[in-house]
Amino acid sequence: VKDIVLYQTVDKTYKVLSDLDDPILYTPDPKQQVAYVQMARARDLAVIVMDQEIANHFMSFIEYKHQGKKCKRVDAELGGKDSDSAHAERLTELFRKASGNDKLEVKVQTLGEKALPAMIAESEESRRMQEMRKQFERMSSGQDGMDIDSMFPLELTLVVNDDQPLVSRLSALAELPGQEEKADLLARQIYDLARLGHGSLTAEDMAEFLRRSTEVLDKLTRPDDKA
């Protein structure tokens, strides 16, 4: 692929391959992934739009023709650094409990005060496996006896932003006697907000998220002695 190919960025500008960062960050849907795009912008990284059916094959072609070049969806590269804070383990346990998944992969990183309290990161390898899964399911026509989930595992990581004041307050709240229920409610809300931003919130979970949001708003409007 030579520099006669122009790549459109989310900012409506055009770049040639040699002008792009390494790894090459892309998004199939700038609106759906707006939170991730904004984080990349804050790091002065270009994000190209790959929203056509042929995009996956084309990116593989780029990597084949240019050894060492890698394409990664924008939610695979959050750019944070692992936090060395003492409450990282506490936050990990808190979000695993809130998610109902004791095997949830959790990373506590520094993403900046203006970034969201938590985001979902999906590795490029996992994303490509999910594309393969879709193709396999179309070809297999729902054959019984196949463990599709183990063949094409989904690898998502909850990245908790240790720079966010809300996360610090959540950690402190979880340590207060009698505040465990409130801390769990807040952790579940943050977790589902991250899933909502990633696009991995199911219809059933969305209904629960909306119900819980009403509960949170109700608590906020009560007098302090009744909250």
C-alpha atoms as a PDB file:
ATOM      1  CA  VAL A   1       0.000   0.000   0.000  1.00  0.00           C
ATOM      2  CA  LYS A   2       1.744   3.123  -1.144  1.00  0.00           C
ATOM      3  CA  ASP A   3       1.099   6.737  -0.263  1.00  0.00           C
ATOM      4  CA  ILE A   4      -1.455   7.152  -3.032  1.00  0.00           C
ATOM      5  CA  VAL A   5      -4.062   5.809  -0.586  1.00  0.00           C
ATOM      6  CA  LEU A   6      -5.721   8.457   1.568  1.00  0.00           C
ATOM      7  CA  TYR A   7      -7.215   7.640   4.954  1.00  0.00           C
ATOM      8  CA  GLN A   8      -9.996   9.787   6.377  1.00  0.00           C
ATOM      9  CA  THR A   9      -9.643  10.703  10.032  1.00  0.00           C
ATOM     10  CA  VAL A  10     -12.433  11.410  12.509  1.00  0.00           C
ATOM     11  CA  ASP A  11     -11.575  15.100  12.075  1.00  0.00           C
ATOM     12  CA  LYS A  12     -12.477  14.923   8.353  1.00  0.00           C
ATOM     13  CA  THR A  13      -8.851  15.342   7.311  1.00  0.00           C
ATOM     14  CA  TYR A  14      -6.925  12.933   5.102  1.00  0.00           C
ATOM     15  CA  LYS A  15      -3.577  11.305   5.755  1.00  0.00           C
ATOM     16  CA  VAL A  16      -1.287   8.911   3.925  1.00  0.00           C
ATOM     17  CA  LEU A  17       0.023   5.790   5.622  1.00  0.00           C
ATOM     18  CA  SER A  18       3.414   7.295   6.471  1.00  0.00           C
ATOM     19  CA  ASP A  19       1.686  10.127   8.376  1.00  0.00           C
ATOM     20  CA  LEU A  20      -0.211   7.784  10.682  1.00  0.00           C
ATOM     21  CA  ASP A  21       0.904   6.803  14.165  1.00  0.00           C
ATOM     22  CA  ASP A  22       2.089   3.314  15.047  1.00  0.00           C
ATOM     23  CA  PRO A  23      -0.030   1.507  15.962  1.00  0.00           C
ATOM     24  CA  ILE A  24      -2.600   2.839  13.520  1.00  0.00           C
ATOM     25  CA  LEU A  25      -5.719   3.691  15.507  1.00  0.00           C
ATOM     26  CA  TYR A  26      -9.087   3.309  13.815  1.00  0.00           C
ATOM     27  CA  THR A  27     -12.782   3.313  14.591  1.00  0.00           C
ATOM     28  CA  PRO A  28     -15.671   1.710  12.715  1.00  0.00           C
ATOM     29  CA  ASP A  29     -18.107   4.201  14.281  1.00  0.00           C
ATOM     30  CA  PRO A  30     -16.857   7.596  15.553  1.00  0.00           C
ATOM     31  CA  LYS A  31     -20.188   8.374  17.231  1.00  0.00           C
ATOM     32  CA  GLN A  32     -20.465   5.077  19.092  1.00  0.00           C
ATOM     33  CA  GLN A  33     -16.833   5.271  20.215  1.00  0.00           C
ATOM     34  CA  VAL A  34     -16.756   9.009  20.877  1.00  0.00           C
ATOM     35  CA  ALA A  35     -15.299   8.630  24.397  1.00  0.00           C
ATOM     36  CA  TYR A  36     -12.382   6.599  23.079  1.00  0.00           C
ATOM     37  CA  VAL A  37     -11.854   8.975  20.159  1.00  0.00           C
ATOM     38  CA  GLN A  38     -11.707  11.945  22.534  1.00  0.00           C
ATOM     39  CA  MET A  39      -9.067  10.214  24.631  1.00  0.00           C
ATOM     40  CA  ALA A  40      -6.944   9.598  21.539  1.00  0.00           C
ATOM     41  CA  ARG A  41      -7.349  13.246  20.531  1.00  0.00           C
ATOM     42  CA  ALA A  42      -6.177  14.323  23.974  1.00  0.00           C
ATOM     43  CA  ARG A  43      -2.970  12.386  23.279  1.00  0.00           C
ATOM     44  CA  ASP A  44      -2.641  14.056  19.847  1.00  0.00           C
ATOM     45  CA  LEU A  45      -3.176  10.744  18.048  1.00  0.00           C
ATOM     46  CA  ALA A  46      -4.913  10.458  14.694  1.00  0.00           C
ATOM     47  CA  VAL A  47      -7.869   8.076  14.437  1.00  0.00           C
ATOM     48  CA  ILE A  48      -8.919   6.921  10.986  1.00  0.00           C
ATOM     49  CA  VAL A  49     -12.422   5.817  10.054  1.00  0.00           C
ATOM     50  CA  MET A  50     -12.772   2.202   8.906  1.00  0.00           C
ATOM     51  CA  ASP A  51     -16.518   1.717   8.492  1.00  0.00           C
ATOM     52  CA  GLN A  52     -16.753  -0.455   5.384  1.00  0.00           C
ATOM     53  CA  GLU A  53     -17.217  -4.231   5.210  1.00  0.00           C
ATOM     54  CA  ILE A  54     -13.856  -4.620   3.499  1.00  0.00           C
ATOM     55  CA  ALA A  55     -12.036  -2.731   6.276  1.00  0.00           C
ATOM     56  CA  ASN A  56     -10.973  -5.808   8.261  1.00  0.00           C
ATOM     57  CA  HIS A  57      -9.415  -7.463   5.228  1.00  0.00           C
ATOM     58  CA  PHE A  58      -7.747  -4.220   4.184  1.00  0.00           C
ATOM     59  CA  MET A  59      -6.139  -3.734   7.598  1.00  0.00           C
ATOM     60  CA  SER A  60      -4.770  -7.270   7.480  1.00  0.00           C
ATOM     61  CA  PHE A  61      -3.368  -6.432   4.044  1.00  0.00           C
ATOM     62  CA  ILE A  62      -1.661  -3.314   5.442  1.00  0.00           C
ATOM     63  CA  GLU A  63      -0.031  -5.354   8.200  1.00  0.00           C
ATOM     64  CA  TYR A  64       1.088  -7.984   5.687  1.00  0.00           C
ATOM     65  CA  LYS A  65       2.606  -5.468   3.276  1.00  0.00           C
ATOM     66  CA  HIS A  66       4.202  -3.345   5.993  1.00  0.00           C
ATOM     67  CA  GLN A  67       5.817  -5.679   8.507  1.00  0.00           C
ATOM     68  CA  GLY A  68       5.838  -4.075  11.939  1.00  0.00           C
ATOM     69  CA  LYS A  69       2.784  -1.906  11.275  1.00  0.00           C
ATOM     70  CA  LYS A  70      -0.186  -2.730  13.486  1.00  0.00           C
ATOM     71  CA  CYS A  71      -3.798  -1.612  13.277  1.00  0.00           C
ATOM     72  CA  LYS A  72      -5.712  -1.343  16.540  1.00  0.00           C
ATOM     73  CA  ARG A  73      -9.251  -0.250  17.195  1.00  0.00           C
ATOM     74  CA  VAL A  74      -9.328   2.869  19.322  1.00  0.00           C
ATOM     75  CA  ASP A  75     -10.753   1.022  22.356  1.00  0.00           C
ATOM     76  CA  ALA A  76      -7.684  -1.240  22.442  1.00  0.00           C
ATOM     77  CA  GLU A  77      -5.307   1.652  23.157  1.00  0.00           C
ATOM     78  CA  LEU A  78      -6.302   3.771  26.171  1.00  0.00           C
ATOM     79  CA  GLY A  79      -2.763   4.991  26.816  1.00  0.00           C
ATOM     80  CA  GLY A  80      -2.947   4.776  30.605  1.00  0.00           C
ATOM     81  CA  LYS A  81      -0.206   3.773  33.006  1.00  0.00           C
ATOM     82  CA  ASP A  82      -0.742   1.200  35.723  1.00  0.00           C
ATOM     83  CA  SER A  83      -1.474   2.845  39.042  1.00  0.00           C
ATOM     84  CA  ASP A  84       0.669   2.032  42.056  1.00  0.00           C
ATOM     85  CA  SER A  85      -1.954   3.303  44.488  1.00  0.00           C
ATOM     86  CA  ALA A  86      -2.648   1.279  47.603  1.00  0.00           C
ATOM     87  CA  HIS A  87      -6.353   0.952  46.838  1.00  0.00           C
ATOM     88  CA  ALA A  88      -5.916  -0.750  43.440  1.00  0.00           C
ATOM     89  CA  GLU A  89      -6.591  -4.190  44.914  1.00  0.00           C
ATOM     90  CA  ARG A  90      -9.624  -2.883  46.801  1.00  0.00           C
ATOM     91  CA  LEU A  91     -11.070  -1.382  43.614  1.00  0.00           C
ATOM     92  CA  THR A  92     -10.480  -4.620  41.728  1.00  0.00           C
ATOM     93  CA  GLU A  93     -12.437  -6.602  44.313  1.00  0.00           C
ATOM     94  CA  LEU A  94     -15.171  -3.965  44.426  1.00  0.00           C
ATOM     95  CA  PHE A  95     -15.792  -3.995  40.672  1.00  0.00           C
ATOM     96  CA  ARG A  96     -15.619  -7.771  40.427  1.00  0.00           C
ATOM     97  CA  LYS A  97     -18.324  -7.996  43.058  1.00  0.00           C
ATOM     98  CA  ALA A  98     -20.405  -5.269  41.397  1.00  0.00           C
ATOM     99  CA  SER A  99     -20.183  -6.967  38.003  1.00  0.00           C
ATOM    100  CA  GLY A 100     -21.076 -10.390  39.371  1.00  0.00           C
ATOM    101  CA  ASN A 101     -17.984 -11.759  37.632  1.00  0.00           C
ATOM    102  CA  ASP A 102     -15.182 -12.812  39.977  1.00  0.00           C
ATOM    103  CA  LYS A 103     -12.921 -13.382  36.969  1.00  0.00           C
ATOM    104  CA  LEU A 104     -13.414  -9.910  35.514  1.00  0.00           C
ATOM    105  CA  GLU A 105     -10.125  -8.499  34.250  1.00  0.00           C
ATOM    106  CA  VAL A 106      -9.629  -5.179  36.026  1.00  0.00           C
ATOM    107  CA  LYS A 107      -6.799  -2.696  35.600  1.00  0.00           C
ATOM    108  CA  VAL A 108      -6.419   0.449  37.671  1.00  0.00           C
ATOM    109  CA  GLN A 109      -4.639   3.046  35.555  1.00  0.00           C
ATOM    110  CA  THR A 110      -4.053   6.783  35.405  1.00  0.00           C
ATOM    111  CA  LEU A 111      -6.033   8.176  32.464  1.00  0.00           C
ATOM    112  CA  GLY A 112      -6.359  11.821  33.505  1.00  0.00           C
ATOM    113  CA  GLU A 113      -8.877  13.718  35.638  1.00  0.00           C
ATOM    114  CA  LYS A 114     -11.062  14.655  32.664  1.00  0.00           C
ATOM    115  CA  ALA A 115     -11.400  11.079  31.418  1.00  0.00           C
ATOM    116  CA  LEU A 116     -14.301   8.850  32.431  1.00  0.00           C
ATOM    117  CA  PRO A 117     -14.125   6.963  35.755  1.00  0.00           C
ATOM    118  CA  ALA A 118     -13.911   3.635  33.919  1.00  0.00           C
ATOM    119  CA  MET A 119     -13.751   2.337  30.360  1.00  0.00           C
ATOM    120  CA  ILE A 120     -13.818  -1.041  28.662  1.00  0.00           C
ATOM    121  CA  ALA A 121     -10.723  -2.017  26.693  1.00  0.00           C
ATOM    122  CA  GLU A 122     -10.912  -4.790  24.095  1.00  0.00           C
ATOM    123  CA  SER A 123      -7.706  -6.083  22.597  1.00  0.00           C
ATOM    124  CA  GLU A 124      -7.380  -6.051  18.821  1.00  0.00           C
ATOM    125  CA  GLU A 125      -6.839  -9.814  18.921  1.00  0.00           C
ATOM    126  CA  SER A 126     -10.152 -10.309  20.725  1.00  0.00           C
ATOM    127  CA  ARG A 127     -11.972  -8.026  18.289  1.00  0.00           C
ATOM    128  CA  ARG A 128     -10.691  -9.984  15.315  1.00  0.00           C
ATOM    129  CA  MET A 129     -11.694 -13.233  16.983  1.00  0.00           C
ATOM    130  CA  GLN A 130     -15.228 -11.882  17.306  1.00  0.00           C
ATOM    131  CA  GLU A 131     -15.250 -11.060  13.587  1.00  0.00           C
ATOM    132  CA  MET A 132     -14.182 -14.645  12.888  1.00  0.00           C
ATOM    133  CA  ARG A 133     -16.934 -15.851  15.207  1.00  0.00           C
ATOM    134  CA  LYS A 134     -19.585 -13.988  13.201  1.00  0.00           C
ATOM    135  CA  GLN A 135     -18.336 -15.546   9.973  1.00  0.00           C
ATOM    136  CA  PHE A 136     -18.172 -18.994  11.566  1.00  0.00           C
ATOM    137  CA  GLU A 137     -21.722 -18.725  12.901  1.00  0.00           C
ATOM    138  CA  ARG A 138     -22.998 -17.764   9.457  1.00  0.00           C
ATOM    139  CA  MET A 139     -21.268 -20.745   7.867  1.00  0.00           C
ATOM    140  CA  SER A 140     -22.105 -23.302  10.571  1.00  0.00           C
ATOM    141  CA  SER A 141     -25.846 -22.483  10.470  1.00  0.00           C
ATOM    142  CA  GLY A 142     -26.275 -23.103  14.184  1.00  0.00           C
ATOM    143  CA  GLN A 143     -24.812 -26.605  14.424  1.00  0.00           C
ATOM    144  CA  ASP A 144     -25.320 -28.212  17.828  1.00  0.00           C
ATOM    145  CA  GLY A 145     -22.539 -29.444  20.080  1.00  0.00           C
ATOM    146  CA  MET A 146     -20.146 -26.574  19.445  1.00  0.00           C
ATOM    147  CA  ASP A 147     -18.848 -24.441  22.285  1.00  0.00           C
ATOM    148  CA  ILE A 148     -18.610 -21.193  20.358  1.00  0.00           C
ATOM    149  CA  ASP A 149     -17.667 -19.165  23.434  1.00  0.00           C
ATOM    150  CA  SER A 150     -14.537 -21.228  24.119  1.00  0.00           C
ATOM    151  CA  MET A 151     -13.583 -21.252  20.438  1.00  0.00           C
ATOM    152  CA  PHE A 152     -13.841 -17.480  20.154  1.00  0.00           C
ATOM    153  CA  PRO A 153     -13.371 -16.032  23.662  1.00  0.00           C
ATOM    154  CA  LEU A 154     -14.305 -12.411  24.298  1.00  0.00           C
ATOM    155  CA  GLU A 155     -11.528 -10.613  26.163  1.00  0.00           C
ATOM    156  CA  LEU A 156     -12.672  -7.388  27.780  1.00  0.00           C
ATOM    157  CA  THR A 157     -10.819  -5.442  30.466  1.00  0.00           C
ATOM    158  CA  LEU A 158     -12.369  -2.909  32.798  1.00  0.00           C
ATOM    159  CA  VAL A 159      -9.898  -0.031  33.081  1.00  0.00           C
ATOM    160  CA  VAL A 160     -10.599   2.030  36.200  1.00  0.00           C
ATOM    161  CA  ASN A 161      -9.300   5.594  36.051  1.00  0.00           C
ATOM    162  CA  ASP A 162      -7.380   6.266  39.259  1.00  0.00           C
ATOM    163  CA  ASP A 163      -7.083   9.964  38.358  1.00  0.00           C
ATOM    164  CA  GLN A 164     -10.854  10.451  38.502  1.00  0.00           C
ATOM    165  CA  PRO A 165     -12.012  12.017  41.798  1.00  0.00           C
ATOM    166  CA  LEU A 166     -15.159   9.867  41.700  1.00  0.00           C
ATOM    167  CA  VAL A 167     -13.020   6.719  41.839  1.00  0.00           C
ATOM    168  CA  SER A 168     -11.087   8.025  44.849  1.00  0.00           C
ATOM    169  CA  ARG A 169     -14.353   8.815  46.630  1.00  0.00           C
ATOM    170  CA  LEU A 170     -15.703   5.374  45.763  1.00  0.00           C
ATOM    171  CA  SER A 171     -12.636   3.716  47.265  1.00  0.00           C
ATOM    172  CA  ALA A 172     -12.970   5.775  50.446  1.00  0.00           C
ATOM    173  CA  LEU A 173     -16.717   5.104  50.643  1.00  0.00           C
ATOM    174  CA  ALA A 174     -16.159   1.349  50.471  1.00  0.00           C
ATOM    175  CA  GLU A 175     -14.017   1.580  53.619  1.00  0.00           C
ATOM    176  CA  LEU A 176     -16.679   3.311  55.711  1.00  0.00           C
ATOM    177  CA  PRO A 177     -18.767   1.092  58.010  1.00  0.00           C
ATOM    178  CA  GLY A 178     -22.372   0.827  56.853  1.00  0.00           C
ATOM    179  CA  GLN A 179     -21.672   2.273  53.393  1.00  0.00           C
ATOM    180  CA  GLU A 180     -21.062  -1.029  51.592  1.00  0.00           C
ATOM    181  CA  GLU A 181     -24.441  -0.987  49.835  1.00  0.00           C
ATOM    182  CA  LYS A 182     -23.961   2.559  48.556  1.00  0.00           C
ATOM    183  CA  ALA A 183     -20.431   1.731  47.349  1.00  0.00           C
ATOM    184  CA  ASP A 184     -21.715  -1.342  45.520  1.00  0.00           C
ATOM    185  CA  LEU A 185     -24.468   0.707  43.865  1.00  0.00           C
ATOM    186  CA  LEU A 186     -21.960   3.299  42.682  1.00  0.00           C
ATOM    187  CA  ALA A 187     -19.542   0.637  41.414  1.00  0.00           C
ATOM    188  CA  ARG A 188     -22.314  -1.070  39.428  1.00  0.00           C
ATOM    189  CA  GLN A 189     -23.302   2.255  37.916  1.00  0.00           C
ATOM    190  CA  ILE A 190     -19.718   3.059  36.893  1.00  0.00           C
ATOM    191  CA  TYR A 191     -19.266  -0.428  35.452  1.00  0.00           C
ATOM    192  CA  ASP A 192     -22.417  -0.192  33.341  1.00  0.00           C
ATOM    193  CA  LEU A 193     -21.486   3.309  32.160  1.00  0.00           C
ATOM    194  CA  ALA A 194     -18.232   1.821  30.880  1.00  0.00           C
ATOM    195  CA  ARG A 195     -20.131  -0.964  29.113  1.00  0.00           C
ATOM    196  CA  LEU A 196     -22.565   1.558  27.660  1.00  0.00           C
ATOM    197  CA  GLY A 197     -19.697   3.579  26.210  1.00  0.00           C
ATOM    198  CA  HIS A 198     -18.162   0.430  24.766  1.00  0.00           C
ATOM    199  CA  GLY A 199     -21.413  -0.818  23.258  1.00  0.00           C
ATOM    200  CA  SER A 200     -21.394  -4.112  25.162  1.00  0.00           C
ATOM    201  CA  LEU A 201     -24.404  -3.446  27.403  1.00  0.00           C
ATOM    202  CA  THR A 202     -27.142  -5.973  26.616  1.00  0.00           C
ATOM    203  CA  ALA A 203     -30.817  -5.028  26.326  1.00  0.00           C
ATOM    204  CA  GLU A 204     -31.576  -6.699  29.656  1.00  0.00           C
ATOM    205  CA  ASP A 205     -28.676  -4.959  31.365  1.00  0.00           C
ATOM    206  CA  MET A 206     -29.718  -1.650  29.812  1.00  0.00           C
ATOM    207  CA  ALA A 207     -33.142  -1.989  31.434  1.00  0.00           C
ATOM    208  CA  GLU A 208     -31.475  -2.666  34.788  1.00  0.00           C
ATOM    209  CA  PHE A 209     -29.107   0.276  34.268  1.00  0.00           C
ATOM    210  CA  LEU A 210     -32.032   2.635  33.624  1.00  0.00           C
ATOM    211  CA  ARG A 211     -33.873   1.338  36.686  1.00  0.00           C
ATOM    212  CA  ARG A 212     -30.760   1.790  38.815  1.00  0.00           C
ATOM    213  CA  SER A 213     -30.188   5.287  37.413  1.00  0.00           C
ATOM    214  CA  THR A 214     -33.641   6.240  38.660  1.00  0.00           C
ATOM    215  CA  GLU A 215     -32.714   4.826  42.066  1.00  0.00           C
ATOM    216  CA  VAL A 216     -29.514   6.899  42.145  1.00  0.00           C
ATOM    217  CA  LEU A 217     -31.392  10.075  41.187  1.00  0.00           C
ATOM    218  CA  ASP A 218     -33.967   9.347  43.875  1.00  0.00           C
ATOM    219  CA  LYS A 219     -31.236   9.049  46.501  1.00  0.00           C
ATOM    220  CA  LEU A 220     -29.651  12.307  45.354  1.00  0.00           C
ATOM    221  CA  THR A 221     -32.912  14.232  45.775  1.00  0.00           C
ATOM    222  CA  ARG A 222     -33.605  12.989  49.303  1.00  0.00           C
ATOM    223  CA  PRO A 223     -32.604  14.973  52.393  1.00  0.00           C
ATOM    224  CA  ASP A 224     -29.254  13.808  53.769  1.00  0.00           C
ATOM    225  CA  ASP A 225     -30.817  12.174  56.790  1.00  0.00           C
ATOM    226  CA  LYS A 226     -33.026   9.975  54.577  1.00  0.00           C
ATOM    227  CA  ALA A 227     -30.525   9.016  51.847  1.00  0.00           C
END
